[in-house]
């Protein structure tokens, strides 16, 4: 069995964030249309839940990375510098 490598920004199915988001939008529209049979609706719903969890996870990862980067660029507080106006 071939080992999958993790590529940032791509889930294990090879979808980018944008592709997963667009697929989720299509699924939502299909489900809202009430034109699918019960079995197909359940399949689409399951796929939608998977995509939603994937997107939420990737957003959380991005948010954590941004927090780390912001922490690295914010100047450290230097109590010896007087910043008050006289």
Protein backbone atom coordinates (compact mmCIF):
# COMPACT_ATOMS: atom_id res chain seq x y z
CA UNK A 1 0.00 0.00 0.00
CA UNK A 2 1.40 3.40 -0.98
CA UNK A 3 1.89 5.87 1.81
CA UNK A 4 0.14 9.19 1.37
CA UNK A 5 2.15 12.32 1.87
CA UNK A 6 0.56 15.35 3.51
CA UNK A 7 0.58 18.45 1.37
CA UNK A 8 -0.43 21.63 3.21
CA UNK A 9 -3.65 23.11 1.85
CA UNK A 10 -4.81 19.82 0.32
CA UNK A 11 -6.85 17.14 2.08
CA UNK A 12 -6.20 13.43 1.64
CA UNK A 13 -8.55 13.33 -1.35
CA UNK A 14 -6.48 15.95 -3.15
CA UNK A 15 -9.03 18.75 -2.76
CA UNK A 16 -7.89 22.29 -2.14
CA UNK A 17 -9.78 24.40 0.39
CA UNK A 18 -11.56 26.18 -2.45
CA UNK A 19 -12.55 22.91 -4.16
CA UNK A 20 -13.91 21.45 -0.91
CA UNK A 21 -15.83 24.65 -0.22
CA UNK A 22 -17.34 24.70 -3.71
CA UNK A 23 -18.34 21.04 -3.47
CA UNK A 24 -20.00 21.72 -0.13
CA UNK A 25 -21.96 24.61 -1.67
CA UNK A 26 -23.21 22.32 -4.45
CA UNK A 27 -24.30 19.71 -1.91
CA UNK A 28 -26.18 22.31 0.14
CA UNK A 29 -28.02 23.52 -2.96
CA UNK A 30 -28.93 19.94 -3.91
CA UNK A 31 -30.23 19.16 -0.44
CA UNK A 32 -32.20 22.40 -0.27
CA UNK A 33 -33.78 21.60 -3.65
CA UNK A 34 -35.59 18.55 -2.23
CA UNK A 35 -35.22 16.74 -5.56
CA UNK A 36 -33.04 13.83 -4.38
CA UNK A 37 -34.19 10.42 -3.28
CA UNK A 38 -33.72 9.60 0.40
CA UNK A 39 -30.66 7.40 -0.15
CA UNK A 40 -28.93 9.98 -2.32
CA UNK A 41 -29.79 12.72 0.18
CA UNK A 42 -28.16 10.72 2.94
CA UNK A 43 -25.03 10.15 0.84
CA UNK A 44 -24.80 13.85 0.02
CA UNK A 45 -25.40 14.78 3.66
CA UNK A 46 -22.62 12.45 4.83
CA UNK A 47 -20.26 13.89 2.22
CA UNK A 48 -21.24 17.40 3.29
CA UNK A 49 -20.49 16.63 6.94
CA UNK A 50 -17.08 15.26 5.95
CA UNK A 51 -16.31 18.35 3.88
CA UNK A 52 -17.50 20.68 6.62
CA UNK A 53 -15.31 18.98 9.23
CA UNK A 54 -12.34 19.10 6.85
CA UNK A 55 -12.87 22.80 6.15
CA UNK A 56 -13.31 23.65 9.84
CA UNK A 57 -10.15 21.75 10.73
CA UNK A 58 -8.15 23.55 8.07
CA UNK A 59 -9.50 26.93 9.18
CA UNK A 60 -8.49 26.14 12.77
CA UNK A 61 -4.99 25.19 11.60
CA UNK A 62 -4.70 28.44 9.64
CA UNK A 63 -5.89 30.45 12.62
CA UNK A 64 -3.29 28.82 14.86
CA UNK A 65 -0.54 29.56 12.34
CA UNK A 66 -1.62 33.19 12.12
CA UNK A 67 -1.64 33.49 15.91
CA UNK A 68 1.90 32.11 16.06
CA UNK A 69 3.10 34.44 13.31
CA UNK A 70 1.49 37.47 14.95
CA UNK A 71 3.16 36.54 18.22
CA UNK A 72 6.51 36.45 16.45
CA UNK A 73 6.20 39.92 14.91
CA UNK A 74 4.63 41.86 17.79
CA UNK A 75 7.26 43.84 19.66
CA UNK A 76 7.94 42.75 23.17
CA UNK A 77 6.87 45.18 25.84
CA UNK A 78 9.82 47.18 27.15
CA UNK A 79 8.93 48.71 30.50
CA UNK A 80 12.00 50.96 30.47
CA UNK A 81 10.68 53.06 27.57
CA UNK A 82 8.48 55.96 28.66
CA UNK A 83 5.62 56.29 26.18
CA UNK A 84 3.58 58.88 28.12
CA UNK A 85 3.16 62.41 26.90
CA UNK A 86 4.38 65.14 29.27
